[in-house]
Amino acid sequence: MNDYSTLEKFNERRLIMAHDARMNLKKWDSITCRDCHKNPNPPGADAQEAHKKLKTEGATCIDCHQNLVHEEVAKTDLNASLAAGQNGTAERRGWR
């Protein structure tokens, strides 16, 4: 069992927890975003071009918006993790 009794202990596992949460969002096609943002139409040509990937490349919100909600944590390559068959928790992947 993991010990989160201090901020230091929590921060030691922050990247692992963030990656697991991101992988879940990826597997769920970012449903928690899409519940409200059903048809995103962002301002600006670059943002609109990036959002085309939702349809053309099967991208999902979390692929680009990894640090939108919580304190910034290093981004992780979700597609590489999926390609490597790593869709379980970080502990099972040996990320301890």
N, C-alpha and C. Protein backbone atom coordinates (compact mmCIF):
# COMPACT_ATOMS: atom_id res chain seq x y z
N MET A 1 0.84 -1.17 0.00
CA MET A 1 0.00 0.00 0.00
C MET A 1 0.89 1.24 0.00
N ASN A 2 0.47 2.25 -0.75
CA ASN A 2 1.24 3.48 -0.85
C ASN A 2 0.94 4.41 0.32
N ASP A 3 1.97 5.12 0.75
CA ASP A 3 1.86 6.04 1.88
C ASP A 3 1.84 7.47 1.34
N TYR A 4 0.75 8.17 1.55
CA TYR A 4 0.62 9.56 1.13
C TYR A 4 0.50 10.48 2.34
N SER A 5 1.11 10.10 3.45
CA SER A 5 0.92 10.83 4.70
C SER A 5 1.63 12.19 4.74
N THR A 6 2.54 12.43 3.82
CA THR A 6 3.21 13.73 3.75
C THR A 6 3.20 14.22 2.31
N LEU A 7 3.35 15.51 2.14
CA LEU A 7 3.39 16.08 0.80
C LEU A 7 4.59 15.52 0.02
N GLU A 8 5.69 15.30 0.71
CA GLU A 8 6.88 14.76 0.05
C GLU A 8 6.60 13.36 -0.51
N LYS A 9 5.92 12.54 0.26
CA LYS A 9 5.60 11.19 -0.20
C LYS A 9 4.61 11.23 -1.36
N PHE A 10 3.66 12.15 -1.28
CA PHE A 10 2.71 12.32 -2.37
C PHE A 10 3.44 12.76 -3.64
N ASN A 11 4.32 13.74 -3.51
CA ASN A 11 5.05 14.26 -4.67
C ASN A 11 5.97 13.21 -5.31
N GLU A 12 6.47 12.27 -4.51
CA GLU A 12 7.31 11.21 -5.07
C GLU A 12 6.53 10.39 -6.10
N ARG A 13 5.24 10.28 -5.92
CA ARG A 13 4.41 9.46 -6.80
C ARG A 13 3.56 10.28 -7.78
N ARG A 14 3.73 11.58 -7.77
CA ARG A 14 2.89 12.46 -8.59
C ARG A 14 2.92 12.08 -10.07
N LEU A 15 4.09 11.86 -10.65
CA LEU A 15 4.17 11.52 -12.07
C LEU A 15 3.46 10.19 -12.37
N ILE A 16 3.64 9.23 -11.50
CA ILE A 16 2.99 7.92 -11.69
C ILE A 16 1.48 8.09 -11.66
N MET A 17 0.99 8.82 -10.68
CA MET A 17 -0.46 9.01 -10.56
C MET A 17 -1.00 9.81 -11.75
N ALA A 18 -0.27 10.82 -12.18
CA ALA A 18 -0.70 11.63 -13.32
C ALA A 18 -0.76 10.77 -14.58
N HIS A 19 0.26 9.95 -14.80
CA HIS A 19 0.27 9.10 -15.99
C HIS A 19 -0.90 8.11 -15.96
N ASP A 20 -1.16 7.52 -14.82
CA ASP A 20 -2.30 6.59 -14.71
C ASP A 20 -3.62 7.29 -15.00
N ALA A 21 -3.80 8.49 -14.45
CA ALA A 21 -5.04 9.24 -14.71
C ALA A 21 -5.16 9.58 -16.19
N ARG A 22 -4.05 9.97 -16.80
CA ARG A 22 -4.06 10.30 -18.24
C ARG A 22 -4.37 9.08 -19.08
N MET A 23 -3.80 7.95 -18.72
CA MET A 23 -4.07 6.72 -19.47
C MET A 23 -5.55 6.34 -19.36
N ASN A 24 -6.14 6.54 -18.20
CA ASN A 24 -7.56 6.27 -18.06
C ASN A 24 -8.38 7.20 -18.94
N LEU A 25 -8.04 8.49 -18.96
CA LEU A 25 -8.75 9.42 -19.83
C LEU A 25 -8.60 9.02 -21.30
N LYS A 26 -7.40 8.59 -21.68
CA LYS A 26 -7.16 8.16 -23.06
C LYS A 26 -8.04 6.95 -23.39
N LYS A 27 -8.06 5.97 -22.49
CA LYS A 27 -8.87 4.77 -22.73
C LYS A 27 -10.36 5.11 -22.80
N TRP A 28 -10.78 6.10 -22.03
CA TRP A 28 -12.19 6.49 -21.98
C TRP A 28 -12.53 7.56 -23.00
N ASP A 29 -11.60 7.86 -23.93
CA ASP A 29 -11.79 8.88 -24.96
C ASP A 29 -12.14 10.23 -24.32
N SER A 30 -11.52 10.54 -23.21
CA SER A 30 -11.69 11.81 -22.50
C SER A 30 -13.17 12.14 -22.26
N ILE A 31 -13.93 11.14 -21.88
CA ILE A 31 -15.38 11.32 -21.71
C ILE A 31 -15.72 12.42 -20.71
N THR A 32 -14.91 12.60 -19.69
CA THR A 32 -15.22 13.64 -18.71
C THR A 32 -15.07 15.04 -19.31
N CYS A 33 -14.25 15.18 -20.33
CA CYS A 33 -14.16 16.46 -21.06
C CYS A 33 -15.36 16.59 -22.00
N ARG A 34 -15.60 15.53 -22.74
CA ARG A 34 -16.62 15.55 -23.79
C ARG A 34 -18.04 15.66 -23.26
N ASP A 35 -18.25 15.35 -21.99
CA ASP A 35 -19.59 15.53 -21.42
C ASP A 35 -20.05 16.98 -21.57
N CYS A 36 -19.14 17.92 -21.40
CA CYS A 36 -19.49 19.34 -21.54
C CYS A 36 -19.04 19.93 -22.87
N HIS A 37 -17.87 19.55 -23.31
CA HIS A 37 -17.28 20.12 -24.54
C HIS A 37 -17.57 19.18 -25.70
N LYS A 38 -18.81 19.16 -26.13
CA LYS A 38 -19.26 18.18 -27.13
C LYS A 38 -18.70 18.44 -28.52
N ASN A 39 -18.55 19.68 -28.89
CA ASN A 39 -18.09 20.02 -30.22
C ASN A 39 -17.11 21.19 -30.11
N PRO A 40 -15.87 20.93 -29.68
CA PRO A 40 -14.95 22.04 -29.45
C PRO A 40 -14.66 22.83 -30.71
N ASN A 41 -14.75 24.14 -30.60
CA ASN A 41 -14.46 25.03 -31.71
C ASN A 41 -13.58 26.16 -31.17
N PRO A 42 -12.29 25.86 -30.96
CA PRO A 42 -11.40 26.84 -30.32
C PRO A 42 -11.09 28.01 -31.26
N PRO A 43 -10.79 29.16 -30.66
CA PRO A 43 -10.40 30.30 -31.49
C PRO A 43 -8.98 30.11 -32.02
N GLY A 44 -8.73 30.64 -33.18
CA GLY A 44 -7.38 30.60 -33.74
C GLY A 44 -7.18 29.42 -34.68
N ALA A 45 -6.46 29.69 -35.75
CA ALA A 45 -6.23 28.68 -36.79
C ALA A 45 -5.42 27.50 -36.28
N ASP A 46 -4.39 27.75 -35.47
CA ASP A 46 -3.56 26.65 -34.96
C ASP A 46 -4.38 25.70 -34.09
N ALA A 47 -5.20 26.26 -33.22
CA ALA A 47 -6.02 25.43 -32.34
C ALA A 47 -7.06 24.65 -33.14
N GLN A 48 -7.64 25.28 -34.13
CA GLN A 48 -8.62 24.59 -34.97
C GLN A 48 -7.97 23.45 -35.74
N GLU A 49 -6.77 23.69 -36.23
CA GLU A 49 -6.04 22.64 -36.96
C GLU A 49 -5.72 21.48 -36.02
N ALA A 50 -5.29 21.79 -34.81
CA ALA A 50 -4.97 20.74 -33.84
C ALA A 50 -6.21 19.92 -33.49
N HIS A 51 -7.37 20.57 -33.40
CA HIS A 51 -8.59 19.85 -33.04
C HIS A 51 -9.09 18.94 -34.17
N LYS A 52 -8.61 19.14 -35.39
CA LYS A 52 -8.97 18.22 -36.48
C LYS A 52 -8.44 16.81 -36.20
N LYS A 53 -7.37 16.72 -35.40
CA LYS A 53 -6.80 15.42 -35.06
C LYS A 53 -7.79 14.56 -34.29
N LEU A 54 -8.78 15.18 -33.66
CA LEU A 54 -9.80 14.41 -32.95
C LEU A 54 -10.50 13.45 -33.92
N LYS A 55 -10.66 13.89 -35.16
CA LYS A 55 -11.34 13.05 -36.15
C LYS A 55 -10.37 12.32 -37.06
N THR A 56 -9.30 12.99 -37.48
CA THR A 56 -8.41 12.39 -38.47
C THR A 56 -7.41 11.40 -37.89
N GLU A 57 -7.00 11.61 -36.64
CA GLU A 57 -5.97 10.75 -36.04
C GLU A 57 -6.46 9.99 -34.82
N GLY A 58 -7.73 10.13 -34.49
CA GLY A 58 -8.25 9.45 -33.32
C GLY A 58 -7.71 9.99 -32.02
N ALA A 59 -7.24 11.23 -32.05
CA ALA A 59 -6.73 11.84 -30.82
C ALA A 59 -7.89 12.10 -29.87
N THR A 60 -7.56 12.28 -28.63
CA THR A 60 -8.55 12.62 -27.62
C THR A 60 -8.01 13.79 -26.80
N CYS A 61 -8.84 14.43 -26.05
CA CYS A 61 -8.48 15.68 -25.36
C CYS A 61 -7.16 15.57 -24.59
N ILE A 62 -6.98 14.48 -23.87
CA ILE A 62 -5.83 14.34 -22.98
C ILE A 62 -4.51 14.25 -23.74
N ASP A 63 -4.55 13.92 -25.03
CA ASP A 63 -3.32 13.85 -25.81
C ASP A 63 -2.60 15.21 -25.83
N CYS A 64 -3.35 16.29 -25.85
CA CYS A 64 -2.74 17.62 -25.90
C CYS A 64 -2.88 18.41 -24.61
N HIS A 65 -3.93 18.13 -23.83
CA HIS A 65 -4.24 18.93 -22.65
C HIS A 65 -3.89 18.18 -21.38
N GLN A 66 -2.64 17.77 -21.22
CA GLN A 66 -2.25 16.94 -20.08
C GLN A 66 -2.19 17.70 -18.77
N ASN A 67 -1.94 18.98 -18.77
CA ASN A 67 -1.81 19.72 -17.51
C ASN A 67 -2.87 20.80 -17.38
N LEU A 68 -4.04 20.53 -17.88
CA LEU A 68 -5.10 21.53 -17.89
C LEU A 68 -5.74 21.73 -16.53
N VAL A 69 -5.84 20.70 -15.72
CA VAL A 69 -6.62 20.78 -14.48
C VAL A 69 -5.74 20.83 -13.24
N HIS A 70 -4.78 19.96 -13.12
CA HIS A 70 -3.99 19.86 -11.89
C HIS A 70 -2.66 20.59 -12.03
N GLU A 71 -1.94 20.66 -10.92
CA GLU A 71 -0.60 21.24 -10.91
C GLU A 71 0.25 20.56 -11.98
N GLU A 72 1.09 21.32 -12.65
CA GLU A 72 1.85 20.80 -13.77
C GLU A 72 2.75 19.63 -13.36
N VAL A 73 2.68 18.59 -14.19
CA VAL A 73 3.49 17.39 -14.03
C VAL A 73 4.07 17.11 -15.41
N ALA A 74 5.27 16.59 -15.47
CA ALA A 74 5.88 16.29 -16.77
C ALA A 74 4.92 15.52 -17.66
N LYS A 75 4.86 15.90 -18.94
CA LYS A 75 3.99 15.19 -19.88
C LYS A 75 4.55 13.80 -20.16
N THR A 76 3.65 12.89 -20.47
CA THR A 76 4.05 11.52 -20.80
C THR A 76 3.49 11.16 -22.16
N ASP A 77 4.14 10.25 -22.85
CA ASP A 77 3.72 9.84 -24.19
C ASP A 77 2.70 8.72 -24.07
N LEU A 78 1.44 9.08 -24.11
CA LEU A 78 0.36 8.13 -23.92
C LEU A 78 0.30 7.12 -25.06
N ASN A 79 0.51 7.58 -26.29
CA ASN A 79 0.46 6.65 -27.43
C ASN A 79 1.58 5.62 -27.36
N ALA A 80 2.75 6.03 -26.92
CA ALA A 80 3.86 5.08 -26.78
C ALA A 80 3.54 4.04 -25.71
N SER A 81 2.92 4.48 -24.63
CA SER A 81 2.54 3.54 -23.58
C SER A 81 1.51 2.54 -24.09
N LEU A 82 0.53 3.03 -24.85
CA LEU A 82 -0.47 2.12 -25.41
C LEU A 82 0.17 1.16 -26.41
N ALA A 83 1.05 1.67 -27.26
CA ALA A 83 1.71 0.83 -28.26
C ALA A 83 2.55 -0.26 -27.61
N ALA A 84 3.09 0.05 -26.44
CA ALA A 84 3.90 -0.93 -25.71
C ALA A 84 3.05 -1.87 -24.87
N GLY A 85 1.74 -1.71 -24.98
CA GLY A 85 0.84 -2.58 -24.23
C GLY A 85 0.74 -2.21 -22.76
N GLN A 86 1.14 -1.00 -22.44
CA GLN A 86 1.15 -0.55 -21.05
C GLN A 86 -0.10 0.25 -20.76
N ASN A 87 -1.19 -0.46 -20.57
CA ASN A 87 -2.42 0.26 -20.27
C ASN A 87 -2.94 -0.02 -18.88
N GLY A 88 -2.08 -0.62 -18.05
CA GLY A 88 -2.44 -0.85 -16.65
C GLY A 88 -1.87 0.25 -15.78
N THR A 89 -1.72 -0.02 -14.51
CA THR A 89 -1.18 1.01 -13.62
C THR A 89 0.34 1.06 -13.74
N ALA A 90 0.89 2.14 -13.28
CA ALA A 90 2.34 2.33 -13.34
C ALA A 90 3.08 1.26 -12.56
N GLU A 91 2.52 0.83 -11.42
CA GLU A 91 3.20 -0.21 -10.64
C GLU A 91 3.37 -1.48 -11.46
N ARG A 92 2.35 -1.85 -12.21
CA ARG A 92 2.45 -3.06 -13.01
C ARG A 92 3.45 -2.90 -14.13
N ARG A 93 3.74 -1.65 -14.50
CA ARG A 93 4.73 -1.40 -15.55
C ARG A 93 6.12 -1.29 -14.97
N GLY A 94 6.26 -1.34 -13.66
CA GLY A 94 7.56 -1.24 -13.04
C GLY A 94 8.07 0.18 -12.90
N TRP A 95 7.20 1.17 -12.83
CA TRP A 95 7.60 2.57 -12.72
C TRP A 95 7.87 3.00 -11.30
N ARG A 96 7.87 2.18 -10.35
CA ARG A 96 7.97 2.56 -8.94
C ARG A 96 9.03 3.53 -8.68
